Amino acid sequence: PIRVRYVDGKVEKIEAEKDDPQWSMNIKRALLNMLQITRNPKNSEILDKDAREATSNVAFDKSRERLFRIMEPDVSGECETQYHIRDSQQEQNVQVVTKTKDF
């Protein structure tokens, strides 16, 4: 068993049993890392949906879709992570988040 402090999409603290083996903790950290989501980034590079547009330096947050890149800390260090957040086309009040890490 573990206890996790999860605040605003970020795993802030993990507590485990003293006798929990290191390999077990590493697996748990990796699983928790997949749940970490940055939704409102600070210090991010906001990307255009279509870089071919002449105004490609304009922030892409048109309608209800956002695409951004951020350096994000996780269990393997600090990695460049790209997010694409958009409203679901099938369900109301549901967002689809695609997270791509560059290890």
Protein backbone atom coordinates (compact mmCIF):
# COMPACT_ATOMS: atom_id res chain seq x y z
CA PRO A 1 0.00 0.00 0.00
CA ILE A 2 1.04 3.58 -0.65
CA ARG A 3 -0.26 7.02 0.22
CA VAL A 4 -0.08 9.69 -2.46
CA ARG A 5 -0.52 13.43 -2.31
CA TYR A 6 -1.96 14.51 -5.68
CA VAL A 7 -2.51 18.26 -6.11
CA ASP A 8 -3.59 20.04 -9.31
CA GLY A 9 -2.60 17.13 -11.51
CA LYS A 10 0.79 16.68 -9.87
CA VAL A 11 2.10 13.89 -7.66
CA GLU A 12 3.69 15.81 -4.78
CA LYS A 13 4.44 13.10 -2.23
CA ILE A 14 4.55 9.32 -2.06
CA GLU A 15 4.59 7.39 1.23
CA ALA A 16 5.06 3.62 1.39
CA GLU A 17 5.69 0.90 3.93
CA LYS A 18 9.28 0.73 5.27
CA ASP A 19 9.73 -2.82 4.02
CA ASP A 20 8.44 -2.10 0.50
CA PRO A 21 11.25 -3.22 -1.88
CA GLN A 22 12.90 -0.66 -4.15
CA TRP A 23 11.72 -2.41 -7.33
CA SER A 24 8.14 -2.18 -6.06
CA MET A 25 8.48 1.55 -5.30
CA ASN A 26 9.94 2.17 -8.76
CA ILE A 27 6.95 0.52 -10.43
CA LYS A 28 4.54 2.52 -8.28
CA ARG A 29 6.37 5.79 -9.09
CA ALA A 30 6.21 4.99 -12.81
CA LEU A 31 2.47 4.30 -12.64
CA LEU A 32 1.84 7.47 -10.66
CA ASN A 33 3.94 9.43 -13.14
CA MET A 34 1.51 8.46 -15.90
CA LEU A 35 -1.29 10.11 -13.89
CA GLN A 36 0.59 13.42 -13.63
CA ILE A 37 -1.03 16.00 -15.91
CA THR A 38 -0.18 19.68 -16.39
CA ARG A 39 -3.35 21.47 -17.47
CA ASN A 40 -2.47 25.13 -16.92
CA PRO A 41 1.25 25.45 -17.57
CA LYS A 42 3.59 28.19 -16.50
CA ASN A 43 6.79 28.60 -18.51
CA SER A 44 5.48 26.61 -21.46
CA GLU A 45 5.83 26.99 -25.18
CA ILE A 46 2.35 27.33 -26.61
CA LEU A 47 2.22 25.77 -30.06
CA ASP A 48 0.12 26.37 -33.14
CA LYS A 49 -2.12 23.61 -34.37
CA ASP A 50 -0.81 24.18 -37.89
CA ALA A 51 2.78 25.40 -38.02
CA ARG A 52 2.35 26.06 -41.72
CA GLU A 53 0.30 29.17 -41.01
CA ALA A 54 2.03 32.50 -41.46
CA THR A 55 1.12 33.46 -37.88
CA SER A 56 2.68 30.39 -36.29
CA ASN A 57 3.92 32.32 -33.26
CA VAL A 58 0.36 33.07 -32.16
CA ALA A 59 -0.78 30.99 -29.19
CA PHE A 60 -3.00 28.10 -30.21
CA ASP A 61 -5.94 28.09 -27.87
CA LYS A 62 -8.70 28.71 -30.40
CA SER A 63 -12.09 27.27 -29.54
CA ARG A 64 -11.63 24.67 -26.80
CA GLU A 65 -8.35 23.14 -27.80
CA ARG A 66 -4.82 23.75 -26.49
CA LEU A 67 -1.46 22.50 -27.63
CA PHE A 68 1.67 23.26 -25.59
CA ARG A 69 5.14 21.98 -24.71
CA ILE A 70 6.69 22.11 -21.24
CA MET A 71 9.72 20.77 -19.39
CA GLU A 72 8.13 18.52 -16.78
CA PRO A 73 9.81 16.73 -13.85
CA ASP A 74 9.04 13.06 -13.32
CA VAL A 75 10.66 9.89 -12.00
CA SER A 76 13.18 9.80 -14.87
CA GLY A 77 14.27 13.43 -14.50
CA GLU A 78 13.09 16.49 -16.37
CA CYS A 79 11.63 15.66 -19.79
CA GLU A 80 10.14 17.69 -22.60
CA THR A 81 6.42 16.92 -22.63
CA GLN A 82 3.84 17.97 -25.18
CA TYR A 83 0.15 18.22 -24.33
CA HIS A 84 -2.86 18.38 -26.62
CA ILE A 85 -6.04 19.12 -24.65
CA ARG A 86 -9.38 19.25 -26.42
CA ASP A 87 -13.07 18.79 -25.75
CA SER A 88 -14.48 15.34 -26.48
CA GLN A 89 -16.66 15.13 -29.56
CA GLN A 90 -18.64 12.23 -28.09
CA GLU A 91 -19.40 13.47 -24.55
CA GLN A 92 -20.18 16.85 -23.03
CA ASN A 93 -18.00 18.19 -20.19
CA VAL A 94 -15.23 15.70 -21.02
CA GLN A 95 -11.75 16.63 -22.20
CA VAL A 96 -9.33 14.41 -24.06
CA VAL A 97 -5.70 14.85 -22.98
CA THR A 98 -2.86 13.49 -25.11
CA LYS A 99 0.49 13.58 -23.32
CA THR A 100 3.67 12.84 -25.28
CA LYS A 101 7.03 12.62 -23.45
CA ASP A 102 10.44 12.92 -25.06
CA PHE A 103 12.63 10.81 -22.79
